[in-house]
Protein backbone atom coordinates (compact mmCIF):
# COMPACT_ATOMS: atom_id res chain seq x y z
CA MET A 1 92.88 170.17 51.33
CA ARG A 2 92.40 166.77 49.76
CA SER A 3 95.82 167.05 48.12
CA THR A 4 97.51 167.89 51.44
CA LEU A 5 95.77 165.02 53.19
CA HIS A 6 96.83 162.68 50.42
CA ARG A 7 100.45 163.76 50.67
CA VAL A 8 100.54 163.37 54.46
CA THR A 9 98.96 159.94 54.25
CA HIS A 10 101.39 158.94 51.51
CA ALA A 11 104.35 160.14 53.57
CA ARG A 12 103.17 158.10 56.57
CA ALA A 13 102.74 155.07 54.37
CA GLU A 14 106.31 155.44 53.14
CA GLN A 15 107.56 155.70 56.72
CA THR A 16 105.59 152.60 57.63
CA ARG A 17 107.09 150.62 54.74
CA GLU A 18 110.60 151.77 55.62
CA GLY A 19 110.27 150.61 59.23
CA ALA A 20 108.05 147.59 58.60
CA GLY A 21 110.88 145.12 59.03
CA GLU A 22 111.96 146.44 62.44
CA PRO A 23 109.05 145.14 64.58
CA ALA A 24 109.14 141.79 62.76
CA ALA A 25 112.89 141.47 63.31
CA GLU A 26 112.50 142.41 66.97
CA ARG A 27 109.72 139.85 67.41
CA LEU A 28 111.83 137.13 65.79
CA ALA A 29 114.79 137.98 68.01
CA LEU A 30 112.55 137.83 71.09
CA LEU A 31 110.98 134.51 70.10
CA LEU A 32 114.42 132.99 69.41
CA ARG A 33 115.31 133.86 73.01
CA THR A 34 112.07 132.86 74.72
CA GLY A 35 110.19 130.50 72.39
CA PRO A 36 107.94 128.64 72.03
CA PHE A 37 109.56 126.69 69.22
CA HIS A 38 106.64 126.70 66.76
CA GLU A 39 106.10 130.47 67.05
CA ALA A 40 109.81 131.15 66.61
CA LEU A 41 109.88 128.90 63.54
CA ARG A 42 106.82 130.60 62.07
CA ALA A 43 108.42 134.01 62.61
CA ALA A 44 111.69 132.84 61.03
CA VAL A 45 109.83 131.52 57.99
CA ALA A 46 107.96 134.80 57.63
CA ALA A 47 111.18 136.79 57.99
CA SER A 48 112.88 134.70 55.30
CA GLY A 49 110.22 135.57 52.74
CA LEU A 50 110.26 131.94 51.53
CA SER A 51 107.22 129.76 51.03
CA LEU A 52 107.21 126.27 52.55
CA ASP A 53 107.52 124.81 49.03
CA ARG A 54 110.69 126.83 48.38
CA ILE A 55 112.08 125.90 51.80
CA GLN A 56 111.44 122.22 51.07
CA ASP A 57 113.19 122.57 47.71
CA ARG A 58 116.28 124.11 49.32
CA LEU A 59 116.39 121.39 51.96
CA ILE A 60 116.13 118.68 49.31
CA ARG A 61 119.05 120.24 47.45
CA ARG A 62 121.04 119.87 50.67
CA GLY A 63 120.10 116.20 50.86
CA ASP A 64 117.47 116.62 53.58
CA ARG A 65 114.09 115.16 52.69
CA ILE A 66 111.00 116.48 54.43
CA SER A 67 107.39 117.02 53.36
CA VAL A 68 105.68 120.40 53.24
CA ALA A 69 103.00 118.92 55.51
CA THR A 70 105.62 118.17 58.18
CA LEU A 71 107.10 121.67 57.94
CA SER A 72 103.61 123.07 58.32
CA SER A 73 102.91 120.86 61.33
CA TRP A 74 106.14 122.04 62.99
CA GLN A 75 105.26 125.70 62.68
CA SER A 76 101.65 125.14 63.77
CA GLY A 77 102.75 123.35 66.94
CA ARG A 78 100.95 120.10 66.09
CA TYR A 79 104.23 118.19 65.92
CA ARG A 80 107.86 119.03 66.57
CA PRO A 81 111.20 117.54 65.53
CA GLU A 82 112.55 115.05 68.08
CA ARG A 83 114.04 112.05 66.27
CA PRO A 84 117.68 112.22 65.10
CA ALA A 85 116.70 112.43 61.43
CA SER A 86 114.32 115.33 62.15
CA LEU A 87 116.94 117.19 64.19
CA THR A 88 119.38 116.86 61.28
CA VAL A 89 116.78 118.47 58.99
CA LEU A 90 116.22 121.20 61.59
CA ALA A 91 119.94 122.08 61.56
CA SER A 92 119.76 122.56 57.79
CA LEU A 93 116.51 124.49 58.14
CA GLU A 94 118.22 126.97 60.45
CA GLN A 95 120.77 127.65 57.70
CA VAL A 96 118.08 128.02 55.05
CA LEU A 97 116.16 130.50 57.23
CA GLY A 98 119.30 132.45 58.07
CA VAL A 99 119.14 132.10 61.85
CA ALA A 100 122.06 131.21 64.09
CA PRO A 101 123.01 127.52 64.49
CA GLU A 102 120.88 125.83 67.19
CA ALA A 103 118.75 128.97 67.56
CA LEU A 104 115.61 126.93 66.92
CA SER A 105 116.73 123.55 68.25
CA ALA A 106 117.59 125.12 71.60
CA LEU A 107 113.88 125.92 72.04
CA LEU A 108 112.77 122.28 71.85
CA GLY A 109 113.65 121.39 75.43
CA PRO A 110 113.54 117.75 76.57
CA PRO A 111 111.71 115.23 74.34
CA ARG A 112 108.03 114.80 75.02
CA PRO A 113 106.66 111.37 75.92
CA ARG A 114 106.61 109.32 72.72
CA GLY A 115 103.41 108.82 70.75
CA ARG A 116 100.15 110.69 71.17
CA ARG A 117 100.21 113.88 73.20
CA LEU A 118 97.95 113.28 76.20
CA PRO A 119 96.36 115.38 78.89
CA ALA A 120 96.70 114.55 82.56
CA ALA A 121 94.33 112.00 84.05
CA SER A 122 90.87 113.18 84.97
CA ASP A 123 88.37 111.96 87.55
CA ASP A 124 86.03 111.44 84.60
CA ARG A 125 87.74 108.59 82.80
CA GLY A 126 85.51 108.62 79.73
CA LEU A 127 86.97 108.85 76.26
CA ALA A 128 85.86 112.45 75.73
CA ALA A 129 87.38 113.57 79.04
CA THR A 130 90.64 111.71 78.51
CA PHE A 131 91.24 113.23 75.08
CA SER A 132 89.59 116.63 75.64
CA ALA A 133 92.93 118.42 75.11
CA VAL A 134 93.70 116.56 71.87
CA THR A 135 91.63 118.63 69.46
CA ASP A 136 91.32 116.25 66.49
CA ILE A 137 90.37 113.21 68.61
CA SER A 138 88.01 115.18 70.84
CA SER A 139 86.22 116.57 67.79
CA ALA A 140 85.86 113.11 66.23
CA LEU A 141 84.55 111.57 69.48
CA ARG A 142 81.74 114.11 69.62
CA GLN A 143 80.49 112.76 66.29
CA VAL A 144 80.06 109.13 67.39
CA ASP A 145 77.98 107.43 70.10
CA ALA A 146 80.49 106.77 72.89
CA ARG A 147 77.99 106.59 75.77
CA TRP A 148 78.55 102.85 76.42
CA ASP A 149 82.33 103.05 76.76
CA GLU A 150 82.47 103.00 80.57
CA ASN A 151 79.91 100.17 80.76
CA LEU A 152 82.12 97.70 78.88
CA THR A 153 84.76 96.01 81.05
CA ARG A 154 87.96 95.16 79.19
CA LEU A 155 88.64 91.57 80.29
CA SER A 156 91.36 90.97 77.72
CA THR A 157 92.91 92.80 74.76
CA HIS A 158 95.45 91.50 72.26
CA CYS A 159 96.88 93.92 69.67
CA ARG A 160 99.40 92.83 67.04
CA LEU A 161 101.32 95.21 64.78
CA GLU A 162 102.89 93.64 61.69
CA LEU A 163 105.96 95.07 59.93
CA ASP A 164 107.39 94.15 56.53
CA GLN A 165 110.98 93.40 55.50
CA ARG A 166 111.73 97.13 55.31
CA GLY A 167 110.40 97.80 58.79
CA ARG A 168 107.23 99.45 57.48
CA GLU A 169 103.81 99.11 59.12
CA LEU A 170 101.33 96.87 57.33
CA ALA A 171 98.41 96.39 59.72
CA MET A 172 97.28 96.46 63.34
CA HIS A 173 95.11 93.51 64.44
CA SER A 174 92.98 93.74 67.61
CA ARG A 175 91.06 91.07 69.52
CA LEU A 176 89.03 92.14 72.57
CA LEU A 177 87.07 90.25 75.21
CA LEU A 178 84.46 92.58 76.73
CA ARG A 179 81.81 92.19 79.42
CA SER A 180 78.73 94.39 79.60
CA GLU A 181 77.98 95.92 83.01
CA CYS A 182 74.45 97.02 82.07
CA ASP A 183 71.67 96.39 79.55
CA GLY A 184 71.94 98.12 76.21
CA PRO A 185 75.52 98.44 74.90
CA ASP A 186 75.45 97.88 71.15
CA ARG A 187 78.78 99.28 69.95
CA TRP A 188 82.46 99.76 70.70
CA ILE A 189 84.50 102.86 69.84
CA THR A 190 87.92 102.36 68.31
CA GLY A 191 90.36 105.08 67.45
CA PHE A 192 93.69 105.51 65.73
CA GLN A 193 95.99 108.51 65.42
CA ARG A 194 99.13 108.80 63.34
CA ASP A 195 102.01 110.80 64.79
CA ASP A 196 102.57 112.57 61.46
CA PRO A 197 100.30 114.03 58.76
CA GLY A 198 98.76 111.48 56.41
CA PRO A 199 95.71 109.33 55.71
CA ALA A 200 94.27 107.15 58.46
CA PRO A 201 94.06 103.39 57.89
CA ARG A 202 91.06 101.38 56.71
CA LEU A 203 89.03 99.57 59.37
CA ARG A 204 87.98 95.96 58.74
CA VAL A 205 85.70 94.21 61.26
CA ALA A 206 85.26 90.44 61.56
CA ALA A 207 81.72 89.00 61.43
CA PRO A 208 79.22 88.95 62.96
CA HIS A 209 79.98 92.55 63.90
CA ARG A 210 80.22 95.41 61.42
CA VAL A 211 81.55 98.93 60.92
CA GLY A 212 79.22 101.74 61.98
CA LYS A 213 79.88 105.47 61.70
CA VAL A 214 83.43 106.42 60.75
CA VAL A 215 84.96 109.86 61.38
CA GLU A 216 88.25 110.50 59.62
CA ASN A 217 90.54 113.53 59.52
CA ARG A 218 92.91 113.06 56.59
CA ASP A 219 95.07 116.04 57.57
CA SER A 220 95.91 114.72 61.04
CA GLY A 221 95.57 110.97 60.39
CA VAL A 222 92.84 110.54 63.03
CA LEU A 223 90.28 107.75 62.65
CA VAL A 224 87.44 107.22 65.14
CA ALA A 225 84.85 104.55 64.34
CA GLU A 226 81.96 102.59 65.78
CA VAL A 227 82.14 98.79 65.77
CA LEU A 228 78.50 97.68 65.89
CA PHE A 229 77.62 94.47 67.75
CA ASP A 230 75.33 91.90 66.19
CA ARG A 231 72.85 92.58 69.03
CA PRO A 232 72.44 94.86 72.08
CA LEU A 233 74.10 93.29 75.12
CA GLN A 234 72.47 92.43 78.42
CA ARG A 235 74.19 92.89 81.74
CA GLY A 236 76.80 90.14 82.20
CA ASP A 237 77.04 89.30 78.49
CA VAL A 238 80.56 88.62 77.21
CA ILE A 239 81.56 89.40 73.64
CA ILE A 240 84.64 88.97 71.43
CA LEU A 241 85.52 91.66 68.90
CA GLU A 242 88.13 91.31 66.16
CA TYR A 243 89.10 94.06 63.77
CA THR A 244 92.08 95.37 61.80
CA HIS A 245 93.46 98.82 61.04
CA GLU A 246 94.96 98.27 57.60
CA HIS A 247 97.24 100.89 56.05
CA ARG A 248 96.42 101.93 52.52
CA VAL A 249 100.15 101.84 51.72
CA PRO A 250 102.94 100.61 54.02
CA ARG A 251 103.98 103.42 56.35
CA PRO A 252 107.64 104.47 56.66
CA PHE A 253 109.21 102.38 59.37
CA SER A 254 108.19 102.81 62.98
CA THR A 255 110.07 102.95 66.24
CA VAL A 256 107.24 103.01 68.81
CA MET A 257 103.94 101.17 69.31
CA GLN A 258 101.81 102.69 72.06
CA THR A 259 98.29 102.59 73.45
CA THR A 260 96.43 104.69 75.98
CA LEU A 261 94.53 102.74 78.64
CA HIS A 262 92.06 105.38 79.84
CA VAL A 263 90.17 102.88 82.04
CA PRO A 264 91.47 99.81 83.93
CA VAL A 265 92.16 96.70 81.86
CA ARG A 266 92.58 93.22 83.37
CA GLU A 267 94.91 91.96 80.65
CA TYR A 268 96.48 93.79 77.72
CA VAL A 269 98.79 91.88 75.39
CA MET A 270 100.81 93.89 72.88
CA GLU A 271 102.55 91.93 70.13
CA LEU A 272 105.00 93.31 67.62
CA ARG A 273 105.82 91.03 64.70
CA PHE A 274 109.01 91.92 62.83
CA HIS A 275 109.92 90.37 59.50
CA PRO A 276 112.58 87.70 60.20
CA SER A 277 114.97 89.48 57.81
CA ALA A 278 114.52 92.86 59.53
CA LEU A 279 115.03 92.50 63.27
CA PRO A 280 115.80 95.54 65.46
CA GLU A 281 119.05 96.18 67.25
CA SER A 282 117.18 96.53 70.56
CA CYS A 283 113.59 96.41 71.80
CA HIS A 284 111.95 97.45 75.11
CA SER A 285 108.45 97.47 76.57
CA PHE A 286 107.38 100.49 78.66
CA ARG A 287 104.54 101.41 80.98
CA THR A 288 103.76 104.57 82.94
CA ALA A 289 102.06 104.77 86.32
CA ASP A 290 99.35 107.13 85.01
CA LEU A 291 98.41 109.37 82.08
CA ASP A 292 100.52 112.34 83.15
CA PRO A 293 102.74 113.27 80.14
CA ALA A 294 105.61 113.82 82.57
CA SER A 295 105.27 110.35 84.08
CA ARG A 296 108.51 108.39 83.66
CA PRO A 297 107.89 104.89 82.22
CA GLN A 298 109.30 101.64 83.54
CA GLU A 299 111.06 99.64 80.80
CA ARG A 300 111.93 96.01 80.16
CA LEU A 301 114.22 94.49 77.53
CA LEU A 302 112.46 92.28 74.94
CA ARG A 303 114.01 89.71 72.60
CA PRO A 304 112.35 88.54 69.33
CA ASP A 305 111.41 84.86 69.13
CA ALA A 306 112.07 82.47 66.21
CA VAL A 307 109.39 84.10 64.03
CA GLY A 308 110.38 87.68 64.88
CA SER A 309 107.71 88.46 67.49
CA VAL A 310 108.02 90.21 70.84
CA LEU A 311 105.32 90.37 73.52
CA ALA A 312 104.54 92.83 76.29
CA VAL A 313 101.80 92.11 78.83
CA ALA A 314 100.10 94.52 81.24
CA LEU A 315 97.95 92.94 83.97
CA SER A 316 95.44 94.95 86.01
CA ALA A 317 96.67 98.08 84.24
CA GLY A 318 95.34 101.55 83.67
CA PRO A 319 94.89 104.37 83.38
CA CYS A 320 98.36 104.51 81.87
CA ARG A 321 100.40 104.56 78.68
CA PHE A 322 101.72 101.19 77.60
CA GLY A 323 103.82 100.21 74.61
CA ILE A 324 106.91 98.87 72.90
CA ARG A 325 109.78 100.87 71.45
CA TRP A 326 112.65 99.64 69.31
CA ASP A 327 115.84 100.83 67.67
CA TRP A 328 116.90 99.85 64.15
CA GLY A 329 120.51 100.81 64.80
CA GLY A 330 121.06 102.37 61.36
CA ARG A 331 120.07 99.26 59.41
CA ALA A 332 120.82 99.55 55.68
CA GLY A 333 117.72 99.76 53.51
CA ILE A 334 115.55 101.25 56.25
CA VAL A 335 115.11 104.97 55.75
CA GLY A 336 113.00 107.44 57.70
CA SER A 337 111.50 107.20 61.16
CA HIS A 338 107.95 107.24 62.42
CA GLU A 339 106.05 106.25 65.49
CA HIS A 340 102.94 104.13 65.63
CA THR A 341 100.21 104.98 68.08
CA ALA A 342 97.92 102.07 68.78
CA GLU A 343 94.21 102.27 69.34
CA PHE A 344 92.59 103.79 72.40
């Protein structure tokens, strides 16, 4: 009896192995028709039998450079290819995975709003509510004391991003003028999120204030930190904060600088300082009417001054997305493409 049972079980196992590829192939075919992109990519990778390391190696042999971390982020849905360089890699990836040309790229749809992926505006304009749908930021915010955020009026903010002669990010400097609307605020919450996998920057705070608790996710490049005041504020007190997000190594060149104004701001000045020997072909400021990811931004042409700086100013703004985007126009010596997302 045992022998018979064993033979039947063995026969079924053989049948299962023989037909194992059929459901997987059918699922891949379905996902290539319906999407979403990241699930179709994950299914194609599984069907190829190749590891991400081997896929990266084959792409490099074709002249397409991409990190394993980026491939992983594409198939997890955290990020997706949108820039021209990424779409070129995707075309080669389709060949490596053995799917039809444009089978995966056709699933991308229209480009998403540039920079951090954001949820729609909420009646609760607090930090946690604004970023509740952005998992890494939401998780980090729960680990710091953000209770005073809505009691600090942003009177003025000036953020300056500095780029080197190769168009790479060096540091982001911030200077804020805040007014307390109650007794007790003793800290400010600053946050930074890269648009690609990699380490978050260092935070340096000018005296008399200091760095408090820091929450960092090295996989997603999220940094959320407390900037501690030199004293608790009283209602009506005004305070100036200055701090810098300093990259550990210069980041591959950027094309977008963006911030999320989750509460109204009286004045927000965004400055982008190019190296005089590496000026962009074009540069525009942009601002949306709200935080809806589908909101279409209004744009304005910007021209660098004698030292390579451009300025964008938002008065009585927020909640909205506000930023500067630029195009290198295929400048020689500048390779790669990234976006910078400013603090929130």
